[in-house]
Amino acid sequence: MAQEVQSDAQIVKAVLRNVRVSPRKLNLVAALIRGKTAAKSLEILAFARQRISHDVRKTLYSAVSNAENNHGLDVDRLVVHEAHVGQSFAMRRHSPRAKGRAGAIKKYFSHLTITVRESEV
């Protein structure tokens, strides 16, 4: 039984862990850059209105720098292969309610993994 082995030499990633934003909000920003070139994605994130877009831009820039310096890939041919968002822990807080009760509040944290690869074309 033969399996195809995909070379990971052209795939480079950068990870941002425990960022204080919900995964749902972070995924909206990550969806803006999936499948686009690295240069176009950096431009999109520079003008995005969301607060978290600055951190996403820094992570994408780190992935591009890793590809250039550590793997010797051409920066002009890089494409955002994957922008994966995962949930981290949730801080639990309480809000006072009527009759001495307390309402639960969860403040979510997220992980972001950006993977870039060199396009064939």
Foldseek 3Di string as FASTA:
>chain_A
DDDDDDDCLFKFKFKDFFAQDALVVVVVLQVVAAFAQLVVNLVCLVPDPDPCSVVVSVRSVVRLVCCCPVRNDDNRQKGFHDKDKDWDAWDWDWDDDPPRDIDIDTGTTMMIMIMMGGDPD
